[in-house]
């Protein structure tokens, strides 16, 4: 019998550049770009930005392996996801669900009041502000900073106005002050990995300083 299990994640390939910058080594696994609210992955504690490297102990070499592995698992089965998060791996227990018609959700984020641009973020070409409580609730995040404008290195990295930065250099950022503190400690000459949300999906990019 062919099962069609699901865990409710939107996934993507892990690029060589991202794998190196976050300490994963060679590119492998499935990058989680979004987690469906209330889905098995959400209940298991999977977060956007996690990289699923194993399913029930079997390596996930490329992102396309994961739907096949999950799809051939009987719904109701308790499985183990091994995720790479912020520089280390952890095992999460997930109960496989049955595939159903996917729901599409439209999201809009409130535009928070602009704050004064901090220097460390500005040096990378970023003008940022704290997320309002309404925006956090809308996005389903506990923290992060809203990108109000981009130039220079941040623009070259592909960041855009309206993106929400969740983590920098494998460290979660709850707001502008935390972002500043993380950036202040970094070697400004090195590439910095950034986990951000654009609309519903999370993705990584790498900011390369101007030098």
N, C-alpha and C. Protein backbone atom coordinates (compact mmCIF):
# COMPACT_ATOMS: atom_id res chain seq x y z
N UNK A 1 0.85 -1.19 0.00
CA UNK A 1 0.00 0.00 0.00
C UNK A 1 0.88 1.24 0.00
N UNK A 2 0.53 2.22 -0.80
CA UNK A 2 1.34 3.44 -0.88
C UNK A 2 0.72 4.51 0.02
N UNK A 3 1.49 4.92 1.04
CA UNK A 3 0.98 5.95 1.95
C UNK A 3 1.32 7.33 1.40
N UNK A 4 0.56 8.33 1.83
CA UNK A 4 0.90 9.71 1.47
C UNK A 4 0.85 10.55 2.74
N UNK A 5 1.92 10.42 3.52
CA UNK A 5 2.00 11.17 4.77
C UNK A 5 2.47 12.60 4.52
N UNK A 6 2.23 13.46 5.51
CA UNK A 6 2.68 14.84 5.40
C UNK A 6 3.01 15.37 6.80
N UNK A 7 3.88 16.38 6.86
CA UNK A 7 4.18 16.99 8.16
C UNK A 7 3.92 18.50 8.16
N UNK A 8 3.61 19.09 6.98
CA UNK A 8 3.22 20.49 6.93
C UNK A 8 4.38 21.48 6.91
N UNK A 9 5.37 21.21 6.07
CA UNK A 9 6.47 22.17 5.94
C UNK A 9 6.67 22.55 4.47
N UNK A 10 7.13 23.78 4.26
CA UNK A 10 7.54 24.23 2.93
C UNK A 10 9.06 24.15 2.93
N UNK A 11 9.64 23.44 1.97
CA UNK A 11 11.10 23.22 2.01
C UNK A 11 11.80 23.70 0.75
N UNK A 12 13.11 23.81 0.87
CA UNK A 12 13.94 24.26 -0.23
C UNK A 12 15.30 23.58 -0.14
N UNK A 13 16.05 23.65 -1.23
CA UNK A 13 17.40 23.13 -1.26
C UNK A 13 18.30 23.97 -0.35
N UNK A 14 19.37 23.39 0.16
CA UNK A 14 20.38 24.14 0.92
C UNK A 14 21.53 24.43 -0.03
N UNK A 15 21.84 25.72 -0.23
CA UNK A 15 22.93 26.05 -1.16
C UNK A 15 24.28 25.85 -0.48
N UNK A 16 25.33 25.71 -1.31
CA UNK A 16 26.69 25.50 -0.80
C UNK A 16 27.11 26.67 0.09
N UNK A 17 26.78 27.89 -0.37
CA UNK A 17 27.18 29.10 0.37
C UNK A 17 26.52 29.15 1.74
N UNK A 18 25.22 28.85 1.79
CA UNK A 18 24.51 28.86 3.07
C UNK A 18 25.03 27.76 3.98
N UNK A 19 25.22 26.55 3.44
CA UNK A 19 25.72 25.43 4.24
C UNK A 19 27.04 25.78 4.90
N UNK A 20 27.94 26.40 4.15
CA UNK A 20 29.25 26.78 4.71
C UNK A 20 29.09 27.87 5.76
N UNK A 21 28.25 28.88 5.48
CA UNK A 21 28.16 30.02 6.39
C UNK A 21 27.48 29.69 7.72
N UNK A 22 26.60 28.66 7.76
CA UNK A 22 25.94 28.33 9.02
C UNK A 22 26.62 27.17 9.74
N UNK A 23 27.70 26.63 9.14
CA UNK A 23 28.45 25.57 9.81
C UNK A 23 27.93 24.17 9.55
N UNK A 24 27.16 24.01 8.49
CA UNK A 24 26.61 22.69 8.14
C UNK A 24 27.63 21.83 7.39
N UNK A 25 28.64 22.50 6.82
CA UNK A 25 29.63 21.77 6.01
C UNK A 25 29.12 21.61 4.60
N UNK A 26 29.08 20.35 4.11
CA UNK A 26 28.62 20.15 2.72
C UNK A 26 27.10 20.39 2.65
N UNK A 27 26.61 20.90 1.50
CA UNK A 27 25.17 21.14 1.40
C UNK A 27 24.38 19.84 1.39
N UNK A 28 23.50 19.67 2.37
CA UNK A 28 22.59 18.52 2.40
C UNK A 28 21.40 18.91 3.26
N UNK A 29 20.38 18.05 3.26
CA UNK A 29 19.19 18.31 4.05
C UNK A 29 18.17 19.14 3.31
N UNK A 30 17.07 19.43 4.02
CA UNK A 30 15.97 20.22 3.46
C UNK A 30 15.79 21.46 4.34
N UNK A 31 15.94 22.63 3.74
CA UNK A 31 15.77 23.89 4.47
C UNK A 31 14.27 24.16 4.65
N UNK A 32 13.85 24.36 5.90
CA UNK A 32 12.44 24.65 6.19
C UNK A 32 12.19 26.14 5.98
N UNK A 33 11.38 26.46 4.96
CA UNK A 33 11.08 27.86 4.67
C UNK A 33 9.81 28.32 5.38
N UNK A 34 8.96 27.39 5.72
CA UNK A 34 7.73 27.73 6.43
C UNK A 34 7.14 26.50 7.09
N UNK A 35 6.44 26.72 8.20
CA UNK A 35 5.79 25.64 8.93
C UNK A 35 4.30 25.98 9.03
N UNK A 36 3.46 25.06 8.59
CA UNK A 36 2.01 25.30 8.62
C UNK A 36 1.51 25.24 10.06
N UNK A 37 0.77 26.27 10.47
CA UNK A 37 0.28 26.35 11.85
C UNK A 37 -0.61 25.15 12.19
N UNK A 38 -0.31 24.51 13.32
CA UNK A 38 -1.10 23.38 13.77
C UNK A 38 -0.76 22.06 13.10
N UNK A 39 0.15 22.09 12.11
CA UNK A 39 0.54 20.87 11.40
C UNK A 39 1.50 20.05 12.28
N UNK A 40 1.73 18.77 11.92
CA UNK A 40 2.62 17.93 12.75
C UNK A 40 3.99 18.56 13.02
N UNK A 41 4.59 19.20 12.01
CA UNK A 41 5.91 19.81 12.19
C UNK A 41 5.85 20.94 13.22
N UNK A 42 4.76 21.72 13.17
CA UNK A 42 4.57 22.82 14.12
C UNK A 42 4.47 22.27 15.55
N UNK A 43 3.67 21.21 15.72
CA UNK A 43 3.51 20.58 17.04
C UNK A 43 4.81 19.97 17.53
N UNK A 44 5.64 19.52 16.60
CA UNK A 44 6.92 18.88 16.96
C UNK A 44 7.98 19.93 17.34
N UNK A 45 7.69 21.22 17.04
CA UNK A 45 8.66 22.25 17.39
C UNK A 45 9.61 22.63 16.26
N UNK A 46 9.29 22.20 15.03
CA UNK A 46 10.11 22.59 13.88
C UNK A 46 9.94 24.09 13.64
N UNK A 47 11.05 24.78 13.37
CA UNK A 47 11.00 26.23 13.14
C UNK A 47 11.46 26.55 11.72
N UNK A 48 10.95 27.67 11.19
CA UNK A 48 11.45 28.15 9.90
C UNK A 48 12.94 28.43 10.06
N UNK A 49 13.73 27.99 9.07
CA UNK A 49 15.17 28.16 9.15
C UNK A 49 15.89 26.89 9.59
N UNK A 50 15.13 25.94 10.17
CA UNK A 50 15.74 24.64 10.51
C UNK A 50 16.13 23.94 9.22
N UNK A 51 17.13 23.08 9.31
CA UNK A 51 17.48 22.23 8.17
C UNK A 51 17.28 20.79 8.61
N UNK A 52 16.34 20.11 7.96
CA UNK A 52 16.06 18.71 8.33
C UNK A 52 17.13 17.84 7.66
N UNK A 53 17.98 17.22 8.49
CA UNK A 53 19.11 16.45 7.94
C UNK A 53 18.87 14.94 7.98
N UNK A 54 17.93 14.50 8.85
CA UNK A 54 17.62 13.07 8.89
C UNK A 54 16.13 12.87 9.17
N UNK A 55 15.59 11.79 8.61
CA UNK A 55 14.21 11.40 8.89
C UNK A 55 14.26 9.95 9.36
N UNK A 56 13.86 9.72 10.63
CA UNK A 56 13.96 8.38 11.22
C UNK A 56 15.37 7.81 11.07
N UNK A 57 16.37 8.66 11.28
CA UNK A 57 17.77 8.21 11.24
C UNK A 57 18.37 8.08 9.85
N UNK A 58 17.51 8.22 8.81
CA UNK A 58 18.04 8.11 7.44
C UNK A 58 18.43 9.51 6.94
N UNK A 59 19.64 9.64 6.37
CA UNK A 59 20.07 10.97 5.92
C UNK A 59 19.19 11.54 4.81
N UNK A 60 18.90 12.83 4.91
CA UNK A 60 18.19 13.56 3.85
C UNK A 60 19.28 14.26 3.04
N UNK A 61 19.64 13.67 1.91
CA UNK A 61 20.76 14.22 1.13
C UNK A 61 20.36 15.51 0.41
N UNK A 62 19.16 15.51 -0.16
CA UNK A 62 18.68 16.72 -0.84
C UNK A 62 17.22 16.94 -0.46
N UNK A 63 16.73 18.16 -0.66
CA UNK A 63 15.38 18.49 -0.16
C UNK A 63 14.30 17.60 -0.75
N UNK A 64 14.48 17.16 -1.99
CA UNK A 64 13.45 16.33 -2.63
C UNK A 64 13.33 14.94 -2.00
N UNK A 65 14.33 14.54 -1.19
CA UNK A 65 14.25 13.24 -0.51
C UNK A 65 13.17 13.24 0.57
N UNK A 66 13.00 14.40 1.22
CA UNK A 66 12.11 14.44 2.39
C UNK A 66 10.65 14.13 2.07
N UNK A 67 10.02 14.78 1.05
CA UNK A 67 8.61 14.46 0.77
C UNK A 67 8.41 12.98 0.43
N UNK A 68 9.41 12.39 -0.23
CA UNK A 68 9.34 10.97 -0.60
C UNK A 68 9.35 10.12 0.68
N UNK A 69 10.29 10.45 1.61
CA UNK A 69 10.41 9.68 2.85
C UNK A 69 9.14 9.80 3.70
N UNK A 70 8.65 11.05 3.84
CA UNK A 70 7.45 11.30 4.65
C UNK A 70 6.23 10.69 3.97
N UNK A 71 6.15 10.86 2.65
CA UNK A 71 5.01 10.37 1.88
C UNK A 71 4.83 8.87 1.94
N UNK A 72 5.94 8.16 2.14
CA UNK A 72 5.83 6.70 2.18
C UNK A 72 5.74 6.18 3.62
N UNK A 73 5.48 7.09 4.56
CA UNK A 73 5.29 6.70 5.96
C UNK A 73 3.80 6.72 6.29
N UNK A 74 3.35 5.68 6.98
CA UNK A 74 1.92 5.56 7.29
C UNK A 74 1.48 6.70 8.22
N UNK A 75 0.39 7.42 7.86
CA UNK A 75 -0.12 8.46 8.75
C UNK A 75 -0.41 7.90 10.15
N UNK A 76 -0.06 8.68 11.19
CA UNK A 76 -0.23 8.21 12.57
C UNK A 76 1.06 7.67 13.15
N UNK A 77 2.05 7.42 12.28
CA UNK A 77 3.35 6.91 12.74
C UNK A 77 4.11 8.02 13.46
N UNK A 78 4.78 7.65 14.56
CA UNK A 78 5.63 8.61 15.27
C UNK A 78 7.03 8.49 14.68
N UNK A 79 7.51 9.55 14.10
CA UNK A 79 8.83 9.53 13.48
C UNK A 79 9.75 10.55 14.14
N UNK A 80 11.04 10.45 13.83
CA UNK A 80 12.01 11.38 14.41
C UNK A 80 12.63 12.23 13.30
N UNK A 81 12.56 13.54 13.48
CA UNK A 81 13.23 14.46 12.56
C UNK A 81 14.50 14.95 13.25
N UNK A 82 15.62 14.87 12.56
CA UNK A 82 16.86 15.46 13.09
C UNK A 82 17.06 16.78 12.37
N UNK A 83 17.06 17.88 13.14
CA UNK A 83 17.21 19.19 12.52
C UNK A 83 18.51 19.86 12.94
N UNK A 84 19.06 20.64 12.02
CA UNK A 84 20.25 21.44 12.30
C UNK A 84 19.74 22.87 12.54
N UNK A 85 19.99 23.38 13.76
CA UNK A 85 19.48 24.71 14.14
C UNK A 85 20.56 25.46 14.91
N UNK A 86 20.87 26.67 14.47
CA UNK A 86 21.84 27.53 15.17
C UNK A 86 23.14 26.81 15.53
N UNK A 87 23.64 26.05 14.56
CA UNK A 87 24.97 25.45 14.75
C UNK A 87 25.00 24.09 15.41
N UNK A 88 23.83 23.53 15.81
CA UNK A 88 23.86 22.17 16.38
C UNK A 88 22.63 21.39 15.94
N UNK A 89 22.67 20.06 16.12
CA UNK A 89 21.54 19.23 15.69
C UNK A 89 20.70 18.82 16.90
N UNK A 90 19.41 18.64 16.66
CA UNK A 90 18.54 18.12 17.72
C UNK A 90 17.48 17.23 17.09
N UNK A 91 17.00 16.27 17.87
CA UNK A 91 15.97 15.34 17.40
C UNK A 91 14.60 15.82 17.88
N UNK A 92 13.63 15.81 16.97
CA UNK A 92 12.26 16.19 17.29
C UNK A 92 11.33 15.05 16.92
N UNK A 93 10.35 14.80 17.78
CA UNK A 93 9.40 13.71 17.52
C UNK A 93 8.17 14.27 16.80
N UNK A 94 7.82 13.65 15.69
CA UNK A 94 6.70 14.15 14.87
C UNK A 94 5.74 13.00 14.53
N UNK A 95 4.44 13.30 14.59
CA UNK A 95 3.43 12.29 14.21
C UNK A 95 2.96 12.62 12.79
N UNK A 96 3.17 11.69 11.88
CA UNK A 96 2.84 11.91 10.46
C UNK A 96 1.32 12.03 10.27
N UNK A 97 0.92 13.02 9.49
CA UNK A 97 -0.51 13.21 9.19
C UNK A 97 -0.78 12.76 7.76
N UNK A 98 -2.05 12.72 7.42
CA UNK A 98 -2.45 12.32 6.07
C UNK A 98 -2.52 13.56 5.17
N UNK A 99 -2.15 13.38 3.92
CA UNK A 99 -2.20 14.52 3.00
C UNK A 99 -3.65 14.93 2.79
N UNK A 100 -3.88 16.25 2.83
CA UNK A 100 -5.22 16.78 2.58
C UNK A 100 -5.07 17.93 1.61
N UNK A 101 -6.16 18.51 1.19
CA UNK A 101 -6.09 19.65 0.27
C UNK A 101 -5.39 20.80 0.98
N UNK A 102 -4.37 21.35 0.33
CA UNK A 102 -3.60 22.44 0.95
C UNK A 102 -4.43 23.72 1.00
N UNK A 103 -4.34 24.41 2.12
CA UNK A 103 -5.03 25.70 2.25
C UNK A 103 -4.05 26.81 1.92
N UNK A 104 -4.51 27.83 1.22
CA UNK A 104 -3.62 28.97 0.97
C UNK A 104 -4.01 30.09 1.93
N UNK A 105 -2.99 30.68 2.51
CA UNK A 105 -3.21 31.73 3.50
C UNK A 105 -2.53 33.00 3.03
N UNK A 106 -3.30 34.08 2.98
CA UNK A 106 -2.71 35.36 2.59
C UNK A 106 -2.31 36.09 3.87
N UNK A 107 -1.09 36.60 3.90
CA UNK A 107 -0.60 37.29 5.09
C UNK A 107 -0.23 38.71 4.77
N UNK A 108 -0.54 39.62 5.70
CA UNK A 108 -0.07 40.99 5.55
C UNK A 108 0.55 41.39 6.87
N UNK A 109 1.60 42.13 6.81
CA UNK A 109 2.29 42.57 8.04
C UNK A 109 2.05 44.05 8.25
N UNK A 110 1.83 44.39 9.51
CA UNK A 110 1.69 45.81 9.84
C UNK A 110 3.02 46.51 9.62
N UNK A 111 2.99 47.74 9.21
CA UNK A 111 4.23 48.50 9.06
C UNK A 111 4.51 49.20 10.39
N UNK A 112 5.54 48.77 11.11
CA UNK A 112 5.78 49.39 12.40
C UNK A 112 6.38 50.79 12.27
N UNK A 113 6.30 51.52 13.37
CA UNK A 113 6.89 52.87 13.37
C UNK A 113 8.40 52.75 13.20
N UNK A 114 8.96 53.59 12.37
CA UNK A 114 10.40 53.53 12.10
C UNK A 114 11.19 54.03 13.33
N UNK A 115 12.29 53.34 13.61
CA UNK A 115 13.15 53.82 14.69
C UNK A 115 14.42 54.37 14.06
N UNK A 116 15.25 55.01 14.89
CA UNK A 116 16.50 55.57 14.36
C UNK A 116 17.40 54.44 13.91
N UNK A 117 18.09 54.62 12.77
CA UNK A 117 18.92 53.54 12.26
C UNK A 117 20.15 53.33 13.16
N UNK A 118 20.37 52.09 13.57
CA UNK A 118 21.58 51.82 14.36
C UNK A 118 22.79 51.69 13.45
N UNK A 119 23.96 51.97 13.99
CA UNK A 119 25.16 52.04 13.16
C UNK A 119 25.62 50.71 12.57
N UNK A 120 25.64 49.62 13.39
CA UNK A 120 26.15 48.34 12.88
C UNK A 120 25.30 47.82 11.72
N UNK A 121 23.98 47.94 11.85
CA UNK A 121 23.10 47.49 10.77
C UNK A 121 23.27 48.40 9.56
N UNK A 122 23.42 49.70 9.83
CA UNK A 122 23.59 50.68 8.73
C UNK A 122 24.83 50.38 7.92
N UNK A 123 25.88 49.93 8.60
CA UNK A 123 27.14 49.63 7.91
C UNK A 123 26.95 48.54 6.87
N UNK A 124 25.94 47.70 7.06
CA UNK A 124 25.65 46.63 6.10
C UNK A 124 24.60 47.08 5.08
N UNK A 125 24.11 48.31 5.25
CA UNK A 125 23.10 48.82 4.33
C UNK A 125 21.68 48.54 4.78
N UNK A 126 21.51 48.31 6.08
CA UNK A 126 20.18 47.96 6.61
C UNK A 126 19.60 49.08 7.47
N UNK A 127 18.37 49.47 7.20
CA UNK A 127 17.62 50.33 8.10
C UNK A 127 16.50 49.45 8.65
N UNK A 128 16.48 49.29 9.98
CA UNK A 128 15.55 48.32 10.58
C UNK A 128 14.76 48.94 11.72
N UNK A 129 13.66 48.29 12.09
CA UNK A 129 12.87 48.73 13.24
C UNK A 129 12.30 47.49 13.93
N UNK A 130 11.92 47.68 15.20
CA UNK A 130 11.31 46.58 15.95
C UNK A 130 9.94 46.25 15.35
N UNK A 131 9.56 44.98 15.41
CA UNK A 131 8.23 44.57 14.96
C UNK A 131 7.19 44.98 15.99
N UNK A 132 6.04 45.40 15.54
CA UNK A 132 4.94 45.67 16.48
C UNK A 132 4.40 44.32 16.97
N UNK A 133 3.70 44.35 18.11
CA UNK A 133 3.11 43.10 18.63
C UNK A 133 2.13 42.51 17.63
N UNK A 134 1.40 43.40 16.93
CA UNK A 134 0.43 42.92 15.93
C UNK A 134 1.14 42.20 14.79
N UNK A 135 2.28 42.75 14.36
CA UNK A 135 3.04 42.12 13.26
C UNK A 135 3.61 40.78 13.71
N UNK A 136 4.08 40.70 14.96
CA UNK A 136 4.62 39.42 15.48
C UNK A 136 3.52 38.37 15.48
N UNK A 137 2.33 38.78 15.94
CA UNK A 137 1.21 37.84 16.00
C UNK A 137 0.82 37.38 14.60
N UNK A 138 0.78 38.32 13.68
CA UNK A 138 0.41 38.04 12.28
C UNK A 138 1.39 37.05 11.65
N UNK A 139 2.67 37.24 11.93
CA UNK A 139 3.71 36.39 11.34
C UNK A 139 3.93 35.11 12.14
N UNK A 140 3.42 35.07 13.38
CA UNK A 140 3.62 33.89 14.23
C UNK A 140 5.05 33.78 14.72
N UNK A 141 5.68 34.93 15.01
CA UNK A 141 7.06 34.93 15.51
C UNK A 141 7.12 35.63 16.86
N UNK A 142 8.15 35.29 17.67
CA UNK A 142 8.31 35.91 18.99
C UNK A 142 9.18 37.16 18.91
N UNK A 143 9.99 37.25 17.87
CA UNK A 143 10.90 38.39 17.76
C UNK A 143 11.27 38.62 16.31
N UNK A 144 12.34 39.39 16.12
CA UNK A 144 12.77 39.71 14.77
C UNK A 144 12.74 41.21 14.55
N UNK A 145 13.34 41.64 13.46
CA UNK A 145 13.31 43.07 13.13
C UNK A 145 12.82 43.25 11.70
N UNK A 146 12.08 44.31 11.50
CA UNK A 146 11.53 44.64 10.17
C UNK A 146 12.57 45.43 9.39
N UNK A 147 12.77 45.07 8.12
CA UNK A 147 13.68 45.81 7.24
C UNK A 147 12.89 46.96 6.61
N UNK A 148 13.31 48.19 6.90
CA UNK A 148 12.62 49.36 6.36
C UNK A 148 13.24 49.87 5.06
N UNK A 149 14.56 49.65 4.92
CA UNK A 149 15.25 50.07 3.69
C UNK A 149 16.55 49.29 3.56
N UNK A 150 16.97 49.03 2.32
CA UNK A 150 18.23 48.32 2.09
C UNK A 150 19.07 49.02 1.02
N UNK A 151 20.39 49.02 1.24
CA UNK A 151 21.35 49.50 0.24
C UNK A 151 22.60 48.64 0.37
N UNK A 152 23.60 48.91 -0.45
CA UNK A 152 24.93 48.31 -0.32
C UNK A 152 24.92 46.78 -0.17
N UNK A 153 25.68 46.29 0.86
CA UNK A 153 25.87 44.84 1.02
C UNK A 153 24.56 44.10 1.22
N UNK A 154 23.64 44.67 2.01
CA UNK A 154 22.35 44.01 2.27
C UNK A 154 21.53 43.88 0.99
N UNK A 155 21.58 44.93 0.15
CA UNK A 155 20.84 44.89 -1.12
C UNK A 155 21.45 43.85 -2.05
N UNK A 156 22.78 43.77 -2.06
CA UNK A 156 23.45 42.77 -2.92
C UNK A 156 23.11 41.35 -2.47
N UNK A 157 22.85 41.18 -1.16
CA UNK A 157 22.51 39.85 -0.62
C UNK A 157 21.08 39.47 -0.97
N UNK A 158 20.30 40.43 -1.52
CA UNK A 158 18.93 40.12 -1.94
C UNK A 158 17.87 40.47 -0.91
N UNK A 159 18.27 41.11 0.21
CA UNK A 159 17.26 41.53 1.19
C UNK A 159 16.43 42.67 0.61
N UNK A 160 15.18 42.75 1.02
CA UNK A 160 14.28 43.79 0.50
C UNK A 160 13.53 44.45 1.64
N UNK A 161 13.02 45.64 1.35
CA UNK A 161 12.17 46.33 2.31
C UNK A 161 10.96 45.45 2.60
N UNK A 162 10.59 45.33 3.88
CA UNK A 162 9.44 44.50 4.25
C UNK A 162 9.84 43.11 4.74
N UNK A 163 11.10 42.69 4.47
CA UNK A 163 11.57 41.41 5.00
C UNK A 163 11.66 41.52 6.53
N UNK A 164 11.59 40.38 7.20
CA UNK A 164 11.75 40.35 8.66
C UNK A 164 12.94 39.46 9.00
N UNK A 165 13.96 40.04 9.62
CA UNK A 165 15.17 39.28 9.98
C UNK A 165 14.92 38.57 11.31
N UNK A 166 15.09 37.23 11.31
CA UNK A 166 14.83 36.41 12.50
C UNK A 166 16.12 36.04 13.23
N UNK A 167 17.21 35.85 12.48
CA UNK A 167 18.47 35.45 13.10
C UNK A 167 19.63 35.93 12.24
N UNK A 168 20.75 36.20 12.91
CA UNK A 168 21.97 36.64 12.23
C UNK A 168 23.13 35.83 12.80
N UNK A 169 23.96 35.27 11.92
CA UNK A 169 25.13 34.48 12.34
C UNK A 169 24.73 33.40 13.36
N UNK A 170 23.63 32.69 13.05
CA UNK A 170 23.13 31.59 13.90
C UNK A 170 22.62 32.04 15.26
N UNK A 171 22.34 33.33 15.44
CA UNK A 171 21.81 33.83 16.71
C UNK A 171 20.44 34.47 16.45
N UNK A 172 19.42 34.04 17.21
CA UNK A 172 18.09 34.65 17.07
C UNK A 172 18.12 36.09 17.54
N UNK A 173 17.43 36.97 16.83
CA UNK A 173 17.37 38.37 17.26
C UNK A 173 15.92 38.73 17.58
N UNK A 174 15.72 39.23 18.81
CA UNK A 174 14.37 39.56 19.25
C UNK A 174 13.94 40.95 18.85
N UNK A 175 14.93 41.82 18.60
CA UNK A 175 14.61 43.19 18.25
C UNK A 175 15.86 43.92 17.80
N UNK A 176 15.72 45.23 17.60
CA UNK A 176 16.84 46.03 17.07
C UNK A 176 18.05 46.00 17.99
N UNK A 177 17.81 46.10 19.32
CA UNK A 177 18.94 46.10 20.28
C UNK A 177 19.74 44.81 20.19
N UNK A 178 19.03 43.69 20.10
CA UNK A 178 19.71 42.39 20.02
C UNK A 178 20.47 42.26 18.70
N UNK A 179 19.86 42.75 17.62
CA UNK A 179 20.54 42.71 16.31
C UNK A 179 21.85 43.50 16.39
N UNK A 180 21.77 44.67 16.99
CA UNK A 180 22.96 45.52 17.15
C UNK A 180 24.05 44.81 17.95
N UNK A 181 23.63 44.17 19.05
CA UNK A 181 24.59 43.48 19.92
C UNK A 181 25.30 42.34 19.17
N UNK A 182 24.52 41.59 18.38
CA UNK A 182 25.12 40.48 17.61
C UNK A 182 26.08 41.03 16.56
N UNK A 183 25.63 42.04 15.81
CA UNK A 183 26.48 42.61 14.74
C UNK A 183 27.75 43.23 15.30
N UNK A 184 27.65 43.84 16.49
CA UNK A 184 28.81 44.49 17.10
C UNK A 184 29.94 43.50 17.40
N UNK A 185 29.56 42.24 17.67
CA UNK A 185 30.58 41.22 18.02
C UNK A 185 31.20 40.55 16.80
N UNK A 186 30.59 40.72 15.63
CA UNK A 186 31.05 39.99 14.45
C UNK A 186 32.25 40.63 13.78
N UNK A 187 33.04 39.80 13.12
CA UNK A 187 34.15 40.29 12.31
C UNK A 187 33.54 40.92 11.05
N UNK A 188 33.69 42.23 10.94
CA UNK A 188 33.02 42.96 9.85
C UNK A 188 33.54 42.60 8.45
N UNK A 189 34.69 41.93 8.41
CA UNK A 189 35.26 41.58 7.10
C UNK A 189 34.72 40.24 6.59
N UNK A 190 34.00 39.50 7.45
CA UNK A 190 33.53 38.17 7.06
C UNK A 190 32.07 38.18 6.62
N UNK A 191 31.72 37.17 5.84
CA UNK A 191 30.32 37.01 5.40
C UNK A 191 29.44 36.64 6.59
N UNK A 192 28.20 37.14 6.58
CA UNK A 192 27.27 36.93 7.69
C UNK A 192 26.02 36.24 7.17
N UNK A 193 25.64 35.10 7.77
CA UNK A 193 24.39 34.46 7.33
C UNK A 193 23.20 35.09 8.04
N UNK A 194 22.13 35.28 7.29
CA UNK A 194 20.93 35.93 7.80
C UNK A 194 19.72 35.06 7.49
N UNK A 195 18.93 34.74 8.52
CA UNK A 195 17.67 34.01 8.33
C UNK A 195 16.56 35.05 8.37
N UNK A 196 15.75 35.09 7.30
CA UNK A 196 14.69 36.10 7.26
C UNK A 196 13.40 35.54 6.70
N UNK A 197 12.31 36.24 7.02
CA UNK A 197 10.99 35.89 6.50
C UNK A 197 10.61 36.87 5.41
N UNK A 198 10.06 36.35 4.33
CA UNK A 198 9.48 37.20 3.29
C UNK A 198 8.08 36.65 3.04
N UNK A 199 7.06 37.39 3.47
CA UNK A 199 5.71 36.84 3.38
C UNK A 199 5.60 35.65 4.31
N UNK A 200 5.14 34.53 3.78
CA UNK A 200 4.96 33.35 4.64
C UNK A 200 6.22 32.53 4.82
N UNK A 201 7.21 32.71 3.93
CA UNK A 201 8.32 31.76 3.92
C UNK A 201 9.62 32.34 4.46
N UNK A 202 10.39 31.48 5.10
CA UNK A 202 11.70 31.88 5.62
C UNK A 202 12.78 31.39 4.66
N UNK A 203 13.87 32.10 4.60
CA UNK A 203 15.00 31.68 3.79
C UNK A 203 16.29 32.28 4.33
N UNK A 204 17.40 31.74 3.87
CA UNK A 204 18.70 32.26 4.27
C UNK A 204 19.31 33.08 3.14
N UNK A 205 20.13 34.06 3.53
CA UNK A 205 20.99 34.74 2.58
C UNK A 205 22.30 35.01 3.27
N UNK A 206 23.30 35.41 2.50
CA UNK A 206 24.62 35.70 3.07
C UNK A 206 25.00 37.12 2.68
N UNK A 207 25.23 37.95 3.70
CA UNK A 207 25.66 39.34 3.44
C UNK A 207 27.19 39.35 3.41
N UNK A 208 27.71 39.85 2.30
CA UNK A 208 29.17 39.98 2.19
C UNK A 208 29.53 41.45 2.37
N UNK A 209 30.40 41.79 3.33
CA UNK A 209 30.76 43.18 3.57
C UNK A 209 31.38 43.84 2.33
N UNK A 210 31.39 45.17 2.35
CA UNK A 210 31.83 45.94 1.19
C UNK A 210 33.28 45.73 0.76
N UNK A 211 34.13 45.33 1.74
CA UNK A 211 35.55 45.22 1.39
C UNK A 211 35.81 44.16 0.33
